[in-house]
N, C-alpha and C. Protein backbone atom coordinates (compact mmCIF):
# COMPACT_ATOMS: atom_id res chain seq x y z
N MET A 1 105.44 83.32 101.63
CA MET A 1 105.82 84.53 102.31
C MET A 1 106.15 85.61 101.30
N PRO A 2 105.90 86.87 101.64
CA PRO A 2 106.24 87.95 100.74
C PRO A 2 107.75 88.11 100.66
N PRO A 3 108.27 88.47 99.50
CA PRO A 3 109.71 88.66 99.39
C PRO A 3 110.15 89.84 100.26
N THR A 4 111.35 89.74 100.80
CA THR A 4 111.84 90.81 101.66
C THR A 4 112.09 92.10 100.90
N THR A 5 112.19 92.04 99.57
CA THR A 5 112.39 93.26 98.78
C THR A 5 111.15 94.13 98.76
N ASN A 6 109.99 93.59 99.14
CA ASN A 6 108.76 94.38 99.18
C ASN A 6 108.57 95.07 100.52
N ARG A 7 109.55 94.95 101.38
CA ARG A 7 109.48 95.56 102.70
C ARG A 7 109.43 97.07 102.58
N PRO A 8 108.47 97.72 103.24
CA PRO A 8 108.44 99.18 103.20
C PRO A 8 109.57 99.75 104.03
N PRO A 9 110.16 100.87 103.59
CA PRO A 9 111.24 101.46 104.38
C PRO A 9 110.69 102.09 105.65
N ALA A 10 111.47 102.04 106.70
CA ALA A 10 111.08 102.71 107.95
C ALA A 10 111.44 104.18 107.81
N SER A 11 110.48 105.06 108.01
CA SER A 11 110.74 106.49 107.85
C SER A 11 111.27 107.11 109.13
N ARG A 12 110.98 106.53 110.26
CA ARG A 12 111.45 107.00 111.56
C ARG A 12 111.76 105.78 112.42
N ALA A 13 112.39 105.99 113.54
CA ALA A 13 112.65 104.88 114.46
C ALA A 13 111.33 104.27 114.90
N ALA A 14 111.30 102.97 115.08
CA ALA A 14 110.07 102.26 115.43
C ALA A 14 109.40 102.82 116.68
N ALA A 15 110.18 103.26 117.65
CA ALA A 15 109.61 103.77 118.90
C ALA A 15 108.79 105.04 118.68
N ASP A 16 109.02 105.73 117.56
CA ASP A 16 108.28 106.95 117.25
C ASP A 16 106.90 106.68 116.67
N HIS A 17 106.61 105.43 116.36
CA HIS A 17 105.34 105.07 115.72
C HIS A 17 104.36 104.51 116.73
N PRO A 18 103.06 104.67 116.47
CA PRO A 18 102.07 104.05 117.36
C PRO A 18 102.13 102.53 117.27
N THR A 19 101.69 101.87 118.33
CA THR A 19 101.65 100.41 118.34
C THR A 19 100.34 99.93 117.73
N TYR A 20 100.42 98.91 116.92
CA TYR A 20 99.27 98.30 116.26
C TYR A 20 99.16 96.84 116.67
N ILE A 21 97.94 96.33 116.64
CA ILE A 21 97.68 94.90 116.82
C ILE A 21 97.39 94.34 115.43
N VAL A 22 98.18 93.37 115.03
CA VAL A 22 98.06 92.77 113.70
C VAL A 22 97.58 91.34 113.87
N THR A 23 96.46 91.00 113.25
CA THR A 23 95.93 89.64 113.28
C THR A 23 96.32 88.94 111.98
N VAL A 24 97.02 87.83 112.14
CA VAL A 24 97.53 87.05 111.01
C VAL A 24 96.61 85.85 110.80
N ARG A 25 96.48 85.41 109.56
CA ARG A 25 95.63 84.25 109.26
C ARG A 25 96.08 83.03 110.05
N ARG A 26 95.10 82.24 110.52
CA ARG A 26 95.39 81.00 111.25
C ARG A 26 96.26 80.10 110.38
N GLY A 27 97.15 79.39 111.03
CA GLY A 27 98.04 78.48 110.31
C GLY A 27 99.36 79.13 109.92
N LEU A 28 99.45 80.45 110.04
CA LEU A 28 100.70 81.15 109.74
C LEU A 28 101.36 81.57 111.04
N ASP A 29 102.67 81.62 111.06
CA ASP A 29 103.42 82.02 112.24
C ASP A 29 103.50 83.55 112.28
N PRO A 30 102.87 84.19 113.27
CA PRO A 30 102.88 85.64 113.31
C PRO A 30 104.28 86.24 113.43
N ALA A 31 105.18 85.56 114.14
CA ALA A 31 106.55 86.07 114.26
C ALA A 31 107.25 86.06 112.91
N HIS A 32 106.98 85.04 112.11
CA HIS A 32 107.58 84.94 110.78
C HIS A 32 107.04 86.03 109.85
N ILE A 33 105.75 86.30 109.93
CA ILE A 33 105.15 87.37 109.12
C ILE A 33 105.77 88.71 109.51
N ALA A 34 105.89 88.97 110.81
CA ALA A 34 106.51 90.23 111.27
C ALA A 34 107.93 90.34 110.72
N GLN A 35 108.70 89.28 110.84
CA GLN A 35 110.08 89.29 110.36
C GLN A 35 110.14 89.55 108.86
N ALA A 36 109.23 88.96 108.10
CA ALA A 36 109.22 89.14 106.64
C ALA A 36 108.98 90.59 106.24
N TYR A 37 108.32 91.34 107.12
CA TYR A 37 108.05 92.76 106.85
C TYR A 37 108.99 93.69 107.60
N GLY A 38 110.05 93.14 108.19
CA GLY A 38 111.04 93.95 108.88
C GLY A 38 110.55 94.55 110.18
N ILE A 39 109.63 93.85 110.84
CA ILE A 39 108.99 94.35 112.06
C ILE A 39 109.49 93.54 113.26
N THR A 40 109.77 94.24 114.35
CA THR A 40 110.14 93.59 115.60
C THR A 40 108.96 93.70 116.56
N PRO A 41 108.21 92.61 116.76
CA PRO A 41 107.04 92.68 117.64
C PRO A 41 107.43 92.91 119.10
N VAL A 42 106.55 93.60 119.82
CA VAL A 42 106.72 93.71 121.26
C VAL A 42 105.99 92.56 121.96
N HIS A 43 105.00 91.98 121.29
CA HIS A 43 104.28 90.79 121.77
C HIS A 43 103.87 89.95 120.56
N VAL A 44 103.92 88.63 120.72
CA VAL A 44 103.41 87.70 119.71
C VAL A 44 102.31 86.89 120.38
N PHE A 45 101.15 86.80 119.73
CA PHE A 45 99.99 86.10 120.27
C PHE A 45 99.74 84.84 119.45
N ARG A 46 99.51 83.72 120.14
CA ARG A 46 99.26 82.46 119.42
C ARG A 46 98.09 81.67 120.00
N THR A 47 97.46 82.15 121.08
CA THR A 47 96.40 81.38 121.72
C THR A 47 95.04 81.98 121.44
N ALA A 48 94.70 83.06 122.10
CA ALA A 48 93.38 83.69 121.92
C ALA A 48 93.24 84.29 120.53
N MET A 49 94.36 84.73 119.98
CA MET A 49 94.38 85.26 118.61
C MET A 49 95.73 84.90 118.02
N ASN A 50 95.84 85.02 116.72
CA ASN A 50 97.08 84.73 116.02
C ASN A 50 97.59 86.03 115.43
N GLY A 51 98.59 86.62 116.09
CA GLY A 51 99.07 87.89 115.60
C GLY A 51 100.19 88.44 116.44
N PHE A 52 100.39 89.76 116.31
CA PHE A 52 101.46 90.40 117.06
C PHE A 52 101.11 91.87 117.28
N ALA A 53 101.82 92.46 118.25
CA ALA A 53 101.72 93.89 118.52
C ALA A 53 103.09 94.48 118.25
N ALA A 54 103.12 95.63 117.57
CA ALA A 54 104.39 96.27 117.26
C ALA A 54 104.17 97.72 116.86
N PRO A 55 105.16 98.57 117.13
CA PRO A 55 105.11 99.92 116.57
C PRO A 55 105.30 99.81 115.06
N LEU A 56 104.43 100.45 114.29
CA LEU A 56 104.48 100.35 112.84
C LEU A 56 104.50 101.73 112.19
N SER A 57 105.30 101.86 111.15
CA SER A 57 105.30 103.08 110.36
C SER A 57 104.05 103.09 109.49
N PRO A 58 103.65 104.25 108.97
CA PRO A 58 102.50 104.28 108.06
C PRO A 58 102.69 103.36 106.85
N GLU A 59 103.93 103.25 106.36
CA GLU A 59 104.20 102.38 105.21
C GLU A 59 104.01 100.91 105.57
N GLN A 60 104.42 100.53 106.78
CA GLN A 60 104.23 99.14 107.22
C GLN A 60 102.76 98.83 107.40
N VAL A 61 102.00 99.76 107.96
CA VAL A 61 100.55 99.56 108.12
C VAL A 61 99.91 99.33 106.76
N GLU A 62 100.26 100.15 105.80
CA GLU A 62 99.70 100.02 104.45
C GLU A 62 100.05 98.68 103.82
N ALA A 63 101.32 98.28 103.95
CA ALA A 63 101.77 97.01 103.37
C ALA A 63 101.06 95.82 104.02
N LEU A 64 100.91 95.84 105.34
CA LEU A 64 100.24 94.74 106.03
C LEU A 64 98.76 94.67 105.67
N ARG A 65 98.11 95.82 105.54
CA ARG A 65 96.69 95.84 105.18
C ARG A 65 96.47 95.35 103.75
N ALA A 66 97.50 95.43 102.92
CA ALA A 66 97.38 95.05 101.51
C ALA A 66 97.62 93.56 101.26
N THR A 67 98.15 92.83 102.24
CA THR A 67 98.46 91.43 102.01
C THR A 67 97.33 90.51 102.47
N VAL A 68 97.17 89.41 101.78
CA VAL A 68 96.15 88.42 102.15
C VAL A 68 96.58 87.60 103.36
N LEU A 69 97.83 87.74 103.80
CA LEU A 69 98.34 86.99 104.95
C LEU A 69 97.83 87.56 106.26
N VAL A 70 97.33 88.80 106.22
CA VAL A 70 96.91 89.51 107.42
C VAL A 70 95.41 89.76 107.36
N GLU A 71 94.72 89.47 108.47
CA GLU A 71 93.27 89.68 108.54
C GLU A 71 92.91 91.10 108.96
N SER A 72 93.69 91.68 109.89
CA SER A 72 93.38 93.04 110.33
C SER A 72 94.61 93.71 110.91
N VAL A 73 94.61 95.05 110.84
CA VAL A 73 95.65 95.88 111.43
C VAL A 73 94.92 97.03 112.13
N GLU A 74 94.98 97.04 113.46
CA GLU A 74 94.25 98.05 114.24
C GLU A 74 95.19 98.73 115.21
N GLU A 75 95.08 100.06 115.31
CA GLU A 75 95.90 100.77 116.27
C GLU A 75 95.51 100.34 117.68
N ASP A 76 96.53 100.07 118.50
CA ASP A 76 96.31 99.64 119.88
C ASP A 76 95.75 100.81 120.67
N GLY A 77 94.87 100.51 121.59
CA GLY A 77 94.29 101.54 122.43
C GLY A 77 93.99 100.98 123.80
N GLU A 78 93.54 101.82 124.65
CA GLU A 78 93.17 101.34 125.97
C GLU A 78 91.82 100.66 125.91
N GLY A 79 91.70 99.56 126.60
CA GLY A 79 90.45 98.83 126.64
C GLY A 79 89.96 98.72 128.06
N SER A 80 88.75 98.22 128.19
CA SER A 80 88.16 98.04 129.50
C SER A 80 87.37 96.75 129.52
N SER A 81 87.42 96.06 130.62
CA SER A 81 86.62 94.85 130.75
C SER A 81 85.31 95.14 131.45
N LEU A 82 85.06 96.40 131.75
CA LEU A 82 83.83 96.80 132.42
C LEU A 82 82.73 97.07 131.40
N GLY A 83 81.56 96.61 131.67
CA GLY A 83 80.43 96.87 130.79
C GLY A 83 79.90 98.29 130.99
N ALA A 84 78.97 98.66 130.14
CA ALA A 84 78.37 99.98 130.26
C ALA A 84 77.53 100.05 131.54
N ALA A 85 77.59 101.16 132.19
CA ALA A 85 76.80 101.35 133.42
C ALA A 85 75.33 101.43 133.06
N GLY A 86 74.51 100.82 133.85
CA GLY A 86 73.10 100.79 133.49
C GLY A 86 72.26 101.26 134.53
């Protein structure tokens, strides 16, 4: 796990930041990774994917994208289960 001293500082309250979906490498506990980076997830995923959703500061996004423990960091958005109209 990354040392807690490498945690990026929060520049604003978490609620002021956009929510991101973070995919963590299989075999790692996503809640533990979030905690190691000072993040409080709003959701933790362990079945269909291994990761968490949380509001992240720009510094936290950068730190998570830089670690080998994380596979991807994507801003959450609206999705649809409907296919393209044909």
